[in-house]
C-alpha atoms as a PDB file:
ATOM      1  CA  UNK A   1      23.077  -4.382  17.075  1.00  0.00           C
ATOM      2  CA  UNK A   2      19.764  -3.744  15.307  1.00  0.00           C
ATOM      3  CA  UNK A   3      18.196  -7.063  14.343  1.00  0.00           C
ATOM      4  CA  UNK A   4      16.165  -6.834  11.127  1.00  0.00           C
ATOM      5  CA  UNK A   5      13.571  -9.165   9.612  1.00  0.00           C
ATOM      6  CA  UNK A   6      13.190  -8.927   5.819  1.00  0.00           C
ATOM      7  CA  UNK A   7       9.697  -9.775   4.533  1.00  0.00           C
ATOM      8  CA  UNK A   8       9.471  -9.845   0.719  1.00  0.00           C
ATOM      9  CA  UNK A   9       8.264 -12.553  -1.659  1.00  0.00           C
ATOM     10  CA  UNK A  10      11.076 -11.937  -4.167  1.00  0.00           C
ATOM     11  CA  UNK A  11      14.342 -13.752  -3.293  1.00  0.00           C
ATOM     12  CA  UNK A  12      16.352 -11.333  -5.437  1.00  0.00           C
ATOM     13  CA  UNK A  13      14.934  -8.346  -3.552  1.00  0.00           C
ATOM     14  CA  UNK A  14      15.707  -9.962  -0.199  1.00  0.00           C
ATOM     15  CA  UNK A  15      19.243 -10.738  -1.339  1.00  0.00           C
ATOM     16  CA  UNK A  16      19.733  -7.142  -2.434  1.00  0.00           C
ATOM     17  CA  UNK A  17      18.409  -5.744   0.829  1.00  0.00           C
ATOM     18  CA  UNK A  18      20.513  -8.189   2.834  1.00  0.00           C
ATOM     19  CA  UNK A  19      23.628  -7.124   0.957  1.00  0.00           C
ATOM     20  CA  UNK A  20      22.868  -3.423   1.423  1.00  0.00           C
ATOM     21  CA  UNK A  21      22.256  -3.744   5.153  1.00  0.00           C
ATOM     22  CA  UNK A  22      25.189  -6.111   5.752  1.00  0.00           C
ATOM     23  CA  UNK A  23      27.519  -3.272   4.779  1.00  0.00           C
ATOM     24  CA  UNK A  24      26.073  -1.046   7.502  1.00  0.00           C
ATOM     25  CA  UNK A  25      27.627  -1.078  10.985  1.00  0.00           C
ATOM     26  CA  UNK A  26      25.264  -1.940  13.797  1.00  0.00           C
ATOM     27  CA  UNK A  27      22.645  -3.610  11.569  1.00  0.00           C
ATOM     28  CA  UNK A  28      22.144  -7.364  11.238  1.00  0.00           C
ATOM     29  CA  UNK A  29      19.652  -9.165   8.972  1.00  0.00           C
ATOM     30  CA  UNK A  30      18.535 -11.816  11.446  1.00  0.00           C
ATOM     31  CA  UNK A  31      15.631 -13.374   9.521  1.00  0.00           C
ATOM     32  CA  UNK A  32      13.704 -13.518   6.267  1.00  0.00           C
ATOM     33  CA  UNK A  33      10.107 -14.223   5.272  1.00  0.00           C
ATOM     34  CA  UNK A  34       8.589 -14.778   1.816  1.00  0.00           C
ATOM     35  CA  UNK A  35       4.907 -14.141   2.639  1.00  0.00           C
ATOM     36  CA  UNK A  36       2.628 -12.254   4.995  1.00  0.00           C
ATOM     37  CA  UNK A  37       1.810 -15.269   7.204  1.00  0.00           C
ATOM     38  CA  UNK A  38       5.493 -16.257   7.325  1.00  0.00           C
ATOM     39  CA  UNK A  39       6.395 -12.734   8.417  1.00  0.00           C
ATOM     40  CA  UNK A  40       3.845 -12.919  11.229  1.00  0.00           C
ATOM     41  CA  UNK A  41       5.178 -16.299  12.388  1.00  0.00           C
ATOM     42  CA  UNK A  42       8.791 -15.125  12.228  1.00  0.00           C
ATOM     43  CA  UNK A  43       8.003 -11.913  14.094  1.00  0.00           C
ATOM     44  CA  UNK A  44       6.314 -13.845  16.888  1.00  0.00           C
ATOM     45  CA  UNK A  45       9.086 -16.419  17.130  1.00  0.00           C
ATOM     46  CA  UNK A  46      12.109 -14.118  16.967  1.00  0.00           C
ATOM     47  CA  UNK A  47      13.326 -10.962  18.625  1.00  0.00           C
ATOM     48  CA  UNK A  48      13.581  -8.306  15.927  1.00  0.00           C
ATOM     49  CA  UNK A  49      14.137  -4.608  16.382  1.00  0.00           C
ATOM     50  CA  UNK A  50      12.842  -3.623  12.925  1.00  0.00           C
ATOM     51  CA  UNK A  51      10.777  -5.454  10.303  1.00  0.00           C
ATOM     52  CA  UNK A  52      11.069  -4.395   6.642  1.00  0.00           C
ATOM     53  CA  UNK A  53       7.712  -5.382   5.155  1.00  0.00           C
ATOM     54  CA  UNK A  54       6.774  -5.580   1.477  1.00  0.00           C
ATOM     55  CA  UNK A  55       3.266  -4.321   0.768  1.00  0.00           C
ATOM     56  CA  UNK A  56       2.019  -7.066  -1.560  1.00  0.00           C
ATOM     57  CA  UNK A  57       2.876 -10.693  -0.902  1.00  0.00           C
ATOM     58  CA  UNK A  58       1.098 -14.032  -1.425  1.00  0.00           C
ATOM     59  CA  UNK A  59      -1.190 -15.381   1.270  1.00  0.00           C
ATOM     60  CA  UNK A  60      -1.875 -11.965   2.808  1.00  0.00           C
ATOM     61  CA  UNK A  61      -0.463  -8.515   2.155  1.00  0.00           C
ATOM     62  CA  UNK A  62       1.990  -6.543   4.242  1.00  0.00           C
ATOM     63  CA  UNK A  63      -0.709  -4.394   5.803  1.00  0.00           C
ATOM     64  CA  UNK A  64      -2.595  -7.447   7.098  1.00  0.00           C
ATOM     65  CA  UNK A  65       0.662  -8.908   8.426  1.00  0.00           C
ATOM     66  CA  UNK A  66       1.523  -5.588  10.066  1.00  0.00           C
ATOM     67  CA  UNK A  67      -1.843  -5.431  11.812  1.00  0.00           C
ATOM     68  CA  UNK A  68      -1.436  -8.982  13.119  1.00  0.00           C
ATOM     69  CA  UNK A  69       2.075  -8.358  14.397  1.00  0.00           C
ATOM     70  CA  UNK A  70       1.094  -5.100  16.105  1.00  0.00           C
ATOM     71  CA  UNK A  71      -1.917  -6.807  17.701  1.00  0.00           C
ATOM     72  CA  UNK A  72       0.345  -9.276  19.501  1.00  0.00           C
ATOM     73  CA  UNK A  73       3.382  -6.990  19.887  1.00  0.00           C
ATOM     74  CA  UNK A  74       2.248  -3.341  20.112  1.00  0.00           C
ATOM     75  CA  UNK A  75       5.836  -2.117  20.323  1.00  0.00           C
ATOM     76  CA  UNK A  76       6.959  -3.725  17.043  1.00  0.00           C
ATOM     77  CA  UNK A  77       8.685  -1.368  14.603  1.00  0.00           C
ATOM     78  CA  UNK A  78       7.558  -2.150  11.055  1.00  0.00           C
ATOM     79  CA  UNK A  79       8.717  -0.271   7.974  1.00  0.00           C
ATOM     80  CA  UNK A  80       6.694  -0.789   4.813  1.00  0.00           C
ATOM     81  CA  UNK A  81       9.082  -1.012   1.847  1.00  0.00           C
ATOM     82  CA  UNK A  82       7.240  -1.005  -1.467  1.00  0.00           C
ATOM     83  CA  UNK A  83       6.938   0.402  -4.974  1.00  0.00           C
ATOM     84  CA  UNK A  84       3.331   1.479  -4.353  1.00  0.00           C
ATOM     85  CA  UNK A  85       2.400   4.886  -2.939  1.00  0.00           C
ATOM     86  CA  UNK A  86      -1.329   5.385  -3.477  1.00  0.00           C
ATOM     87  CA  UNK A  87      -3.258   7.244  -0.795  1.00  0.00           C
ATOM     88  CA  UNK A  88      -5.170   4.087   0.071  1.00  0.00           C
ATOM     89  CA  UNK A  89      -2.006   1.985   0.488  1.00  0.00           C
ATOM     90  CA  UNK A  90      -0.338   4.592   2.680  1.00  0.00           C
ATOM     91  CA  UNK A  91      -3.367   5.138   4.905  1.00  0.00           C
ATOM     92  CA  UNK A  92      -3.958   1.400   5.347  1.00  0.00           C
ATOM     93  CA  UNK A  93      -0.349   0.905   6.415  1.00  0.00           C
ATOM     94  CA  UNK A  94      -0.392   3.801   8.880  1.00  0.00           C
ATOM     95  CA  UNK A  95      -3.717   2.697  10.332  1.00  0.00           C
ATOM     96  CA  UNK A  96      -2.365  -0.848  10.745  1.00  0.00           C
ATOM     97  CA  UNK A  97       0.411   0.527  12.941  1.00  0.00           C
ATOM     98  CA  UNK A  98       3.401   0.741  10.597  1.00  0.00           C
ATOM     99  CA  UNK A  99       6.292   2.825  11.942  1.00  0.00           C
ATOM    100  CA  UNK A 100       7.099   4.121   8.490  1.00  0.00           C
ATOM    101  CA  UNK A 101       6.584   3.871   4.750  1.00  0.00           C
ATOM    102  CA  UNK A 102       9.512   3.782   2.329  1.00  0.00           C
ATOM    103  CA  UNK A 103       9.768   3.295  -1.415  1.00  0.00           C
ATOM    104  CA  UNK A 104      12.103   0.807  -3.062  1.00  0.00           C
ATOM    105  CA  UNK A 105      13.930   3.560  -4.918  1.00  0.00           C
ATOM    106  CA  UNK A 106      15.511   4.627  -1.601  1.00  0.00           C
ATOM    107  CA  UNK A 107      19.304   4.712  -1.568  1.00  0.00           C
ATOM    108  CA  UNK A 108      21.283   2.320   0.681  1.00  0.00           C
ATOM    109  CA  UNK A 109      22.112   5.223   2.993  1.00  0.00           C
ATOM    110  CA  UNK A 110      18.454   6.295   3.202  1.00  0.00           C
ATOM    111  CA  UNK A 111      17.377   2.740   3.964  1.00  0.00           C
ATOM    112  CA  UNK A 112      19.999   2.300   6.687  1.00  0.00           C
ATOM    113  CA  UNK A 113      19.096   5.663   8.255  1.00  0.00           C
ATOM    114  CA  UNK A 114      15.421   4.691   8.187  1.00  0.00           C
ATOM    115  CA  UNK A 115      16.131   1.377   9.920  1.00  0.00           C
ATOM    116  CA  UNK A 116      18.119   3.126  12.635  1.00  0.00           C
ATOM    117  CA  UNK A 117      15.426   5.769  13.096  1.00  0.00           C
ATOM    118  CA  UNK A 118      12.679   3.143  13.278  1.00  0.00           C
ATOM    119  CA  UNK A 119      14.673   1.200  15.863  1.00  0.00           C
ATOM    120  CA  UNK A 120      14.640   4.350  17.994  1.00  0.00           C
ATOM    121  CA  UNK A 121      10.869   4.543  17.619  1.00  0.00           C
ATOM    122  CA  UNK A 122      10.782   7.398  15.146  1.00  0.00           C
ATOM    123  CA  UNK A 123       8.271   7.632  12.299  1.00  0.00           C
ATOM    124  CA  UNK A 124       9.952   7.376   8.901  1.00  0.00           C
ATOM    125  CA  UNK A 125       8.231   8.472   5.689  1.00  0.00           C
ATOM    126  CA  UNK A 126       9.523   8.882   2.151  1.00  0.00           C
ATOM    127  CA  UNK A 127       9.161  12.573   1.175  1.00  0.00           C
ATOM    128  CA  UNK A 128       6.512  11.829  -1.464  1.00  0.00           C
ATOM    129  CA  UNK A 129       4.577   9.717   1.043  1.00  0.00           C
ATOM    130  CA  UNK A 130       4.679  12.485   3.648  1.00  0.00           C
ATOM    131  CA  UNK A 131       3.373  14.873   1.031  1.00  0.00           C
ATOM    132  CA  UNK A 132       0.495  12.582   0.176  1.00  0.00           C
ATOM    133  CA  UNK A 133      -0.471  12.265   3.841  1.00  0.00           C
ATOM    134  CA  UNK A 134      -0.480  16.031   4.292  1.00  0.00           C
ATOM    135  CA  UNK A 135      -2.587  16.458   1.154  1.00  0.00           C
ATOM    136  CA  UNK A 136      -5.027  13.803   2.354  1.00  0.00           C
ATOM    137  CA  UNK A 137      -5.420  15.457   5.752  1.00  0.00           C
ATOM    138  CA  UNK A 138      -6.044  18.857   4.156  1.00  0.00           C
ATOM    139  CA  UNK A 139      -8.412  17.499   1.513  1.00  0.00           C
ATOM    140  CA  UNK A 140     -12.066  18.034   2.430  1.00  0.00           C
ATOM    141  CA  UNK A 141     -14.026  14.798   2.852  1.00  0.00           C
ATOM    142  CA  UNK A 142     -15.871  13.621  -0.237  1.00  0.00           C
ATOM    143  CA  UNK A 143     -18.926  11.484  -0.579  1.00  0.00           C
ATOM    144  CA  UNK A 144     -18.031   7.858  -1.265  1.00  0.00           C
ATOM    145  CA  UNK A 145     -19.050   6.038  -4.436  1.00  0.00           C
ATOM    146  CA  UNK A 146     -22.002   3.677  -4.300  1.00  0.00           C
ATOM    147  CA  UNK A 147     -21.541  -0.007  -5.116  1.00  0.00           C
ATOM    148  CA  UNK A 148     -23.200   0.469  -8.517  1.00  0.00           C
ATOM    149  CA  UNK A 149     -21.103   3.529  -9.344  1.00  0.00           C
ATOM    150  CA  UNK A 150     -17.997   1.534  -8.504  1.00  0.00           C
ATOM    151  CA  UNK A 151     -19.138  -1.319 -10.759  1.00  0.00           C
ATOM    152  CA  UNK A 152     -19.762   1.073 -13.631  1.00  0.00           C
ATOM    153  CA  UNK A 153     -16.367   2.754 -13.234  1.00  0.00           C
ATOM    154  CA  UNK A 154     -14.625  -0.608 -13.050  1.00  0.00           C
ATOM    155  CA  UNK A 155     -16.095  -1.524 -16.436  1.00  0.00           C
ATOM    156  CA  UNK A 156     -15.122   1.885 -17.805  1.00  0.00           C
ATOM    157  CA  UNK A 157     -11.579   1.139 -16.680  1.00  0.00           C
ATOM    158  CA  UNK A 158     -11.673  -1.999 -18.797  1.00  0.00           C
ATOM    159  CA  UNK A 159     -12.614   0.053 -21.846  1.00  0.00           C
ATOM    160  CA  UNK A 160     -16.299  -0.862 -22.018  1.00  0.00           C
ATOM    161  CA  UNK A 161     -18.744   1.498 -23.722  1.00  0.00           C
ATOM    162  CA  UNK A 162     -21.923   2.684 -21.995  1.00  0.00           C
ATOM    163  CA  UNK A 163     -23.960   0.237 -24.065  1.00  0.00           C
ATOM    164  CA  UNK A 164     -21.679  -2.664 -23.118  1.00  0.00           C
ATOM    165  CA  UNK A 165     -21.800  -1.680 -19.465  1.00  0.00           C
ATOM    166  CA  UNK A 166     -25.589  -1.554 -19.586  1.00  0.00           C
ATOM    167  CA  UNK A 167     -25.757  -5.066 -21.030  1.00  0.00           C
ATOM    168  CA  UNK A 168     -23.262  -6.405 -18.496  1.00  0.00           C
ATOM    169  CA  UNK A 169     -25.154  -4.935 -15.527  1.00  0.00           C
ATOM    170  CA  UNK A 170     -28.661  -5.375 -16.975  1.00  0.00           C
ATOM    171  CA  UNK A 171     -29.452  -1.671 -16.820  1.00  0.00           C
ATOM    172  CA  UNK A 172     -30.276   0.880 -19.509  1.00  0.00           C
ATOM    173  CA  UNK A 173     -27.666   3.031 -21.181  1.00  0.00           C
ATOM    174  CA  UNK A 174     -29.355   6.098 -19.704  1.00  0.00           C
ATOM    175  CA  UNK A 175     -28.953   4.621 -16.221  1.00  0.00           C
ATOM    176  CA  UNK A 176     -25.256   4.003 -16.913  1.00  0.00           C
ATOM    177  CA  UNK A 177     -24.872   7.673 -17.826  1.00  0.00           C
ATOM    178  CA  UNK A 178     -26.657   8.696 -14.633  1.00  0.00           C
ATOM    179  CA  UNK A 179     -24.300   6.605 -12.501  1.00  0.00           C
ATOM    180  CA  UNK A 180     -21.304   8.041 -14.329  1.00  0.00           C
ATOM    181  CA  UNK A 181     -22.451  11.630 -13.826  1.00  0.00           C
ATOM    182  CA  UNK A 182     -22.965  11.009 -10.112  1.00  0.00           C
ATOM    183  CA  UNK A 183     -19.508   9.436  -9.880  1.00  0.00           C
ATOM    184  CA  UNK A 184     -17.995  12.404 -11.732  1.00  0.00           C
ATOM    185  CA  UNK A 185     -19.540  14.770  -9.217  1.00  0.00           C
ATOM    186  CA  UNK A 186     -18.301  12.827  -6.215  1.00  0.00           C
ATOM    187  CA  UNK A 187     -14.793  12.553  -7.637  1.00  0.00           C
ATOM    188  CA  UNK A 188     -14.671  16.172  -8.736  1.00  0.00           C
ATOM    189  CA  UNK A 189     -13.922  15.341 -12.388  1.00  0.00           C
ATOM    190  CA  UNK A 190     -15.642  15.897 -15.717  1.00  0.00           C
ATOM    191  CA  UNK A 191     -14.753  12.872 -17.817  1.00  0.00           C
ATOM    192  CA  UNK A 192     -14.448   9.096 -17.927  1.00  0.00           C
ATOM    193  CA  UNK A 193     -10.658   8.917 -18.035  1.00  0.00           C
ATOM    194  CA  UNK A 194     -10.222  11.381 -15.175  1.00  0.00           C
ATOM    195  CA  UNK A 195     -12.838   9.509 -13.126  1.00  0.00           C
ATOM    196  CA  UNK A 196     -11.036   6.195 -13.522  1.00  0.00           C
ATOM    197  CA  UNK A 197      -7.620   7.733 -12.806  1.00  0.00           C
ATOM    198  CA  UNK A 198      -8.878   9.552  -9.712  1.00  0.00           C
ATOM    199  CA  UNK A 199     -10.690   6.474  -8.395  1.00  0.00           C
ATOM    200  CA  UNK A 200      -7.526   4.390  -8.794  1.00  0.00           C
ATOM    201  CA  UNK A 201      -5.391   7.029  -7.074  1.00  0.00           C
ATOM    202  CA  UNK A 202      -7.777   7.050  -4.108  1.00  0.00           C
ATOM    203  CA  UNK A 203      -7.808   3.284  -3.885  1.00  0.00           C
ATOM    204  CA  UNK A 204     -11.458   3.016  -4.895  1.00  0.00           C
ATOM    205  CA  UNK A 205     -10.552   0.904  -7.939  1.00  0.00           C
ATOM    206  CA  UNK A 206      -7.627  -1.435  -8.600  1.00  0.00           C
ATOM    207  CA  UNK A 207      -5.613  -0.609 -11.736  1.00  0.00           C
ATOM    208  CA  UNK A 208      -6.813  -2.876 -14.586  1.00  0.00           C
ATOM    209  CA  UNK A 209      -4.687  -5.975 -14.907  1.00  0.00           C
ATOM    210  CA  UNK A 210      -2.691  -5.386 -11.733  1.00  0.00           C
ATOM    211  CA  UNK A 211      -2.411  -8.669  -9.842  1.00  0.00           C
ATOM    212  CA  UNK A 212       0.030  -7.593  -7.153  1.00  0.00           C
END
């Protein structure tokens, strides 16, 4: 019997996952957690074969919880189960020691197969996630944005004009343009919208208004 710990801050999501897995032979939902710290405590207190971990939860995200669990139990099998699939999210999860990375649009059969594979120690990745990892590995390294360039792009993302950005950062409008042009070059784009979109995709900027 594969003992599973569900870690997700939404009770409805946990109930849905519990129902899906309860119908699968050989899989038992043996515990639940509603936050990152609770997942860490549960993982240390119980004997679980696989942990299904949400990416964003209160009190500490799934990646931080994964890193803490792996630090104390290197053999833990943790599957990230989330709606987010940015390059930065995926890489953080893999670097933290996650066994796999699934999206919440997975079918019940795909989820059950992933749990069984993870329990055997296999790496499990949603097809789109695997594609992103391959693309990232093949992509030539790019120069990172400076702190000021990041600040300027963040204000662009909020719809501020160059003049408004200059006033907010106490720099001239010409300096704002210089920072933007440098950012464009580093990101390989030619415009403000593309720069913001690319920076968000690479995890250099959070999407405006996203709180989870």
